[in-house]
Amino acid sequence: MVRGEAIPRELRIHFYDGVGHGFEPPNDVIDTVETIKLYVPEQYMMAIHEGVLRHHTMMSNGDPELVVPFAQKYLRLSGLRDPYNGVRIGLQRTLGGQLPEALKVASSYPEEYWPALFEELGWRASIHKPIRTPDAPALLLDDDAYWRAAMEWVLDHQQYVPNEAYCYYIHGAARGRALDYPWQDRHGWKRIQDEINGFDQTCQTTAYQGIGWALFIQAAHHPALLKKMLQSITDDTGQSIVKQTLEQIQDSPVRMDSEPLSPWNLDGVTITDLTEAAPEEPEK
């Protein structure tokens, strides 16, 4: 972690985020917290603390009887605001490949964990793809069917999701679907919007919030590109929700950016027709 001081300031967020994702802390919790406080700049501590929770969750195989008490103790010692981000990544990494089991385990956590856990597992479900091989059926070699299979996988596993957590699951699935499609792919965006329209109003809202997070991940530091991506959403209600989500993220006090984001001026964004030519690539 000492190496972080030698990294250019604008890249430190990525360095500490990577350290947090791979951090394997010592067994002594108090020593871990003191080490983090000693060597990690305050604005990046959150990433490392979340890494501790991620690691413990993985080592506990996601068992809430082991994870929740540890998380409560760690929050008291570290001052971390909440445990959800670290726990959800740990659970997804440990059991995400066994989605029914992961969803069942997530259901056994206290309900305050559900938004984070089911959103993360919804994302994991949405990135499932059939394995392409030379012997694969022709259906799976067709791009349209290949991408459609991901949403079918999401819906095939909804039986394991409590009703109260269903929209969180769809939030994550929409985020994953949006990250899968290049923003220039108007046909792909139309397909995602059609999928969202199949849900009730509450889940439609959370789905578009998930898309807002996807656009943030892809283009947060490129306002011109972000605006073009937002314009590619053809549902006016959905576009409004995505815009509100982006503005809420920009104003969030818990983002861990080493440099402030460029100001976003998203006013005046208009709906674009799918028949229009795709926006030009941004200048490099």
Protein backbone atom coordinates (compact mmCIF):
# COMPACT_ATOMS: atom_id res chain seq x y z
CA MET A 1 0.00 0.00 0.00
CA VAL A 2 2.98 2.29 0.44
CA ARG A 3 3.42 2.19 -3.35
CA GLY A 4 0.23 4.18 -3.76
CA GLU A 5 2.06 7.37 -2.81
CA ALA A 6 4.23 7.09 -5.94
CA ILE A 7 1.26 6.74 -8.30
CA PRO A 8 -0.08 9.85 -10.08
CA ARG A 9 -2.95 11.28 -8.10
CA GLU A 10 -5.52 10.83 -10.86
CA LEU A 11 -4.75 7.08 -10.94
CA ARG A 12 -4.70 6.40 -7.21
CA ILE A 13 -8.41 5.63 -7.03
CA HIS A 14 -7.87 2.73 -9.43
CA PHE A 15 -4.83 1.52 -7.51
CA TYR A 16 -6.54 1.45 -4.12
CA ASP A 17 -9.72 0.00 -5.58
CA GLY A 18 -7.63 -2.82 -7.04
CA VAL A 19 -5.83 -3.34 -3.73
CA GLY A 20 -9.18 -3.56 -1.98
CA HIS A 21 -10.51 -6.15 -4.41
CA GLY A 22 -7.50 -8.41 -3.83
CA PHE A 23 -6.69 -7.57 -0.21
CA GLU A 24 -6.00 -10.52 2.11
CA PRO A 25 -5.84 -9.04 5.61
CA PRO A 26 -4.11 -10.63 8.60
CA ASN A 27 -6.25 -12.49 11.12
CA ASP A 28 -5.96 -9.81 13.78
CA VAL A 29 -8.80 -7.39 13.06
CA ILE A 30 -7.49 -4.60 15.28
CA ASP A 31 -4.06 -4.82 13.67
CA THR A 32 -5.69 -4.73 10.23
CA VAL A 33 -7.59 -1.54 11.01
CA GLU A 34 -4.54 0.15 12.49
CA THR A 35 -2.42 -0.80 9.46
CA ILE A 36 -4.99 0.65 7.08
CA LYS A 37 -5.19 3.87 9.07
CA LEU A 38 -1.40 4.14 9.09
CA TYR A 39 -0.69 3.52 5.41
CA VAL A 40 -3.81 4.43 3.41
CA PRO A 41 -4.88 8.04 2.77
CA GLU A 42 -8.24 8.74 4.34
CA GLN A 43 -10.13 9.23 1.06
CA TYR A 44 -9.15 5.71 -0.07
CA MET A 45 -9.68 3.79 3.18
CA MET A 46 -13.19 2.78 2.17
CA ALA A 47 -11.84 0.60 -0.66
CA ILE A 48 -9.50 -1.29 1.66
CA HIS A 49 -12.04 -1.69 4.46
CA GLU A 50 -14.52 -3.09 1.95
CA GLY A 51 -11.77 -5.46 0.82
CA VAL A 52 -11.51 -6.80 4.37
CA LEU A 53 -15.25 -7.53 4.39
CA ARG A 54 -15.09 -9.06 0.92
CA HIS A 55 -12.27 -11.37 1.99
CA HIS A 56 -14.00 -12.44 5.21
CA THR A 57 -17.23 -13.14 3.32
CA MET A 58 -15.38 -15.34 0.86
CA MET A 59 -13.50 -17.17 3.60
CA SER A 60 -16.84 -17.77 5.35
CA ASN A 61 -18.42 -19.10 2.14
CA GLY A 62 -20.99 -16.34 2.46
CA ASP A 63 -22.52 -17.78 5.64
CA PRO A 64 -24.49 -14.90 7.23
CA GLU A 65 -24.06 -16.36 10.71
CA LEU A 66 -20.33 -15.75 10.33
CA VAL A 67 -20.39 -12.68 8.11
CA VAL A 68 -22.92 -10.44 9.86
CA PRO A 69 -21.37 -10.48 13.37
CA PHE A 70 -17.93 -9.88 11.89
CA ALA A 71 -19.25 -7.01 9.79
CA GLN A 72 -20.86 -5.38 12.81
CA LYS A 73 -17.62 -5.63 14.78
CA TYR A 74 -15.54 -4.36 11.87
CA LEU A 75 -17.77 -1.33 11.37
CA ARG A 76 -17.32 -0.35 15.01
CA LEU A 77 -13.54 -0.59 14.74
CA SER A 78 -13.04 0.94 11.32
CA GLY A 79 -15.69 3.63 11.15
CA LEU A 80 -16.84 2.32 7.75
CA ARG A 81 -20.35 3.59 7.06
CA ASP A 82 -21.90 0.23 6.14
CA PRO A 83 -20.77 -3.30 5.21
CA TYR A 84 -22.90 -3.92 2.16
CA ASN A 85 -20.49 -3.31 -0.71
CA GLY A 86 -17.77 -5.58 0.64
CA VAL A 87 -20.20 -8.35 1.59
CA ARG A 88 -22.03 -8.35 -1.72
CA ILE A 89 -18.82 -8.66 -3.75
CA GLY A 90 -17.60 -11.44 -1.48
CA LEU A 91 -20.87 -13.38 -1.78
CA GLN A 92 -20.98 -12.96 -5.54
CA ARG A 93 -17.39 -14.10 -5.96
CA THR A 94 -17.90 -17.11 -3.71
CA LEU A 95 -21.27 -18.40 -4.88
CA GLY A 96 -22.09 -16.46 -8.05
CA GLY A 97 -21.27 -19.48 -10.20
CA GLN A 98 -23.97 -21.40 -8.33
CA LEU A 99 -26.70 -18.83 -8.72
CA PRO A 100 -29.61 -20.70 -7.09
CA GLU A 101 -27.47 -21.34 -4.00
CA ALA A 102 -26.21 -17.75 -3.96
CA LEU A 103 -29.77 -16.37 -4.09
CA LYS A 104 -30.90 -18.71 -1.33
CA VAL A 105 -28.00 -17.65 0.89
CA ALA A 106 -28.68 -13.97 0.15
CA SER A 107 -32.28 -14.51 1.28
CA SER A 108 -31.03 -15.66 4.69
CA TYR A 109 -29.25 -12.34 5.37
CA PRO A 110 -31.00 -9.56 7.33
CA GLU A 111 -33.24 -7.62 4.99
CA GLU A 112 -31.11 -4.48 5.22
CA TYR A 113 -28.50 -6.41 3.20
CA TRP A 114 -30.94 -7.35 0.44
CA PRO A 115 -30.67 -4.30 -1.84
CA ALA A 116 -26.92 -4.73 -2.23
CA LEU A 117 -26.85 -8.55 -2.34
CA PHE A 118 -29.64 -9.04 -4.86
CA GLU A 119 -28.49 -6.16 -7.03
CA GLU A 120 -25.05 -7.78 -7.25
CA LEU A 121 -26.47 -11.22 -7.99
CA GLY A 122 -28.80 -9.73 -10.60
CA TRP A 123 -25.72 -8.36 -12.32
CA ARG A 124 -24.04 -11.77 -12.10
CA ALA A 125 -27.11 -13.45 -13.62
CA SER A 126 -27.21 -10.95 -16.48
CA ILE A 127 -23.66 -11.64 -17.65
CA HIS A 128 -24.29 -15.37 -18.07
CA LYS A 129 -23.69 -16.47 -21.65
CA PRO A 130 -23.97 -19.89 -23.29
CA ILE A 131 -20.53 -21.33 -24.02
CA ARG A 132 -19.82 -21.18 -27.72
CA THR A 133 -18.09 -24.25 -29.14
CA PRO A 134 -17.71 -25.66 -32.64
CA ASP A 135 -20.36 -28.22 -31.70
CA ALA A 136 -22.81 -25.68 -30.21
CA PRO A 137 -26.34 -25.66 -31.66
CA ALA A 138 -26.90 -23.10 -34.39
CA LEU A 139 -29.26 -21.20 -32.09
CA LEU A 140 -26.40 -20.35 -29.75
CA LEU A 141 -24.20 -19.18 -32.60
CA ASP A 142 -26.77 -16.56 -33.56
CA ASP A 143 -25.87 -13.27 -31.86
CA ASP A 144 -29.47 -12.33 -31.16
CA ALA A 145 -30.15 -15.63 -29.42
CA TYR A 146 -26.79 -15.48 -27.68
CA TRP A 147 -27.58 -12.13 -26.03
CA ARG A 148 -31.21 -13.05 -25.36
CA ALA A 149 -30.06 -16.10 -23.40
CA ALA A 150 -28.62 -13.81 -20.70
CA MET A 151 -32.03 -12.32 -19.85
CA GLU A 152 -33.61 -15.76 -19.95
CA TRP A 153 -31.04 -16.85 -17.36
CA VAL A 154 -32.04 -13.90 -15.16
CA LEU A 155 -35.72 -14.81 -15.35
CA ASP A 156 -35.11 -18.55 -14.93
CA HIS A 157 -33.67 -17.81 -11.48
CA GLN A 158 -36.23 -15.28 -10.27
CA GLN A 159 -38.00 -18.09 -8.37
CA TYR A 160 -35.18 -17.93 -5.81
CA VAL A 161 -35.61 -14.20 -5.18
CA PRO A 162 -37.98 -12.99 -2.41
CA ASN A 163 -40.75 -10.73 -3.70
CA GLU A 164 -39.44 -7.86 -1.56
CA ALA A 165 -36.01 -8.14 -3.21
CA TYR A 166 -37.13 -8.70 -6.80
CA CYS A 167 -36.69 -5.13 -8.03
CA TYR A 168 -33.17 -5.02 -6.57
CA TYR A 169 -32.41 -8.14 -8.61
CA ILE A 170 -33.77 -6.48 -11.76
CA HIS A 171 -31.76 -3.32 -10.99
CA GLY A 172 -28.56 -5.36 -11.15
CA ALA A 173 -29.66 -7.30 -14.21
CA ALA A 174 -30.39 -4.10 -16.12
CA ARG A 175 -27.00 -2.69 -15.16
CA GLY A 176 -25.29 -5.81 -16.47
CA ARG A 177 -27.32 -5.82 -19.67
CA ALA A 178 -26.51 -2.17 -20.34
CA LEU A 179 -22.80 -2.75 -19.74
CA ASP A 180 -22.88 -5.60 -22.25
CA TYR A 181 -24.13 -3.48 -25.15
CA PRO A 182 -21.93 -0.93 -26.91
CA TRP A 183 -23.68 2.42 -26.53
CA GLN A 184 -23.74 2.83 -30.32
CA ASP A 185 -25.87 -0.33 -30.64
CA ARG A 186 -29.32 1.26 -30.92
CA HIS A 187 -30.90 -2.13 -31.66
CA GLY A 188 -29.42 -3.48 -28.43
CA TRP A 189 -30.71 -0.56 -26.38
CA LYS A 190 -34.19 -1.04 -27.87
CA ARG A 191 -34.12 -4.68 -26.81
CA ILE A 192 -33.17 -3.73 -23.24
CA GLN A 193 -35.99 -1.19 -23.12
CA ASP A 194 -38.48 -3.80 -24.34
CA GLU A 195 -37.31 -6.13 -21.58
CA ILE A 196 -37.75 -3.42 -18.95
CA ASN A 197 -41.28 -2.66 -20.12
CA GLY A 198 -42.23 -6.21 -19.18
CA PHE A 199 -41.81 -5.42 -15.46
CA ASP A 200 -44.14 -3.57 -13.10
CA GLN A 201 -43.67 0.17 -12.59
CA THR A 202 -41.48 -0.15 -9.51
CA CYS A 203 -39.08 -2.56 -11.17
CA GLN A 204 -39.04 -0.46 -14.34
CA THR A 205 -37.82 2.45 -12.24
CA THR A 206 -35.09 0.41 -10.53
CA ALA A 207 -34.06 -1.07 -13.89
CA TYR A 208 -33.47 2.38 -15.35
CA GLN A 209 -31.58 3.31 -12.20
CA GLY A 210 -29.35 0.31 -12.95
CA ILE A 211 -28.79 1.64 -16.46
CA GLY A 212 -27.83 4.98 -14.94
CA TRP A 213 -25.11 3.24 -12.96
CA ALA A 214 -23.95 1.44 -16.13
CA LEU A 215 -23.57 4.74 -17.97
CA PHE A 216 -21.71 6.18 -14.99
CA ILE A 217 -19.29 3.24 -15.00
CA GLN A 218 -18.69 3.58 -18.72
CA ALA A 219 -18.42 7.33 -19.17
CA ALA A 220 -18.34 9.20 -15.85
CA HIS A 221 -15.26 11.22 -16.77
CA HIS A 222 -16.36 11.92 -20.36
CA PRO A 223 -19.38 14.27 -20.21
CA ALA A 224 -19.81 14.56 -23.99
CA LEU A 225 -19.87 10.79 -24.41
CA LEU A 226 -22.14 10.42 -21.40
CA LYS A 227 -24.63 12.84 -22.91
CA LYS A 228 -24.66 10.94 -26.20
CA MET A 229 -25.20 7.67 -24.37
CA LEU A 230 -28.11 9.22 -22.49
CA GLN A 231 -29.59 10.45 -25.76
CA SER A 232 -29.59 6.89 -27.10
CA ILE A 233 -32.29 5.91 -24.59
CA THR A 234 -35.56 6.30 -26.51
CA ASP A 235 -38.04 5.89 -23.66
CA ASP A 236 -38.70 9.38 -22.31
CA THR A 237 -39.62 8.23 -18.79
CA GLY A 238 -36.65 5.89 -18.69
CA GLN A 239 -34.30 8.59 -19.91
CA SER A 240 -35.54 10.92 -17.18
CA ILE A 241 -34.91 8.28 -14.49
CA VAL A 242 -31.42 7.60 -15.85
CA LYS A 243 -30.65 11.31 -15.86
CA GLN A 244 -31.84 11.69 -12.25
CA THR A 245 -29.72 8.70 -11.24
CA LEU A 246 -26.62 10.19 -12.84
CA GLU A 247 -27.20 13.50 -11.09
CA GLN A 248 -27.66 11.72 -7.75
CA ILE A 249 -24.39 9.84 -8.26
CA GLN A 250 -22.60 13.07 -9.11
CA ASP A 251 -23.86 14.66 -5.90
CA SER A 252 -23.13 11.63 -3.72
CA PRO A 253 -20.78 12.36 -0.81
CA VAL A 254 -19.52 8.77 -0.63
CA ARG A 255 -17.95 8.46 -4.08
CA MET A 256 -14.25 7.76 -3.78
CA ASP A 257 -12.83 9.84 -6.65
CA SER A 258 -9.36 11.30 -6.41
CA GLU A 259 -10.38 14.12 -8.73
CA PRO A 260 -13.81 15.74 -9.04
CA LEU A 261 -15.83 14.69 -12.05
CA SER A 262 -16.16 17.13 -14.89
CA PRO A 263 -19.38 19.14 -14.54
CA TRP A 264 -22.29 17.38 -16.21
CA ASN A 265 -24.70 19.58 -18.08
CA LEU A 266 -27.44 17.15 -19.01
CA ASP A 267 -30.16 19.75 -19.49
CA GLY A 268 -31.85 19.82 -22.85
CA VAL A 269 -31.20 16.17 -23.66
CA THR A 270 -33.68 15.06 -26.27
CA ILE A 271 -35.00 11.70 -27.37
CA THR A 272 -33.31 10.40 -30.53
CA ASP A 273 -34.92 8.10 -33.04
CA LEU A 274 -33.48 4.64 -33.59
CA THR A 275 -33.43 5.28 -37.31
CA GLU A 276 -30.94 8.12 -36.91
CA ALA A 277 -27.29 7.47 -37.55
CA ALA A 278 -25.33 6.54 -34.47
CA PRO A 279 -23.49 9.47 -32.86
CA GLU A 280 -19.96 10.01 -34.03
CA GLU A 281 -17.16 8.52 -31.97
CA PRO A 282 -15.72 11.10 -29.55
CA GLU A 283 -12.42 12.62 -30.50
CA LYS A 284 -9.43 11.02 -28.82
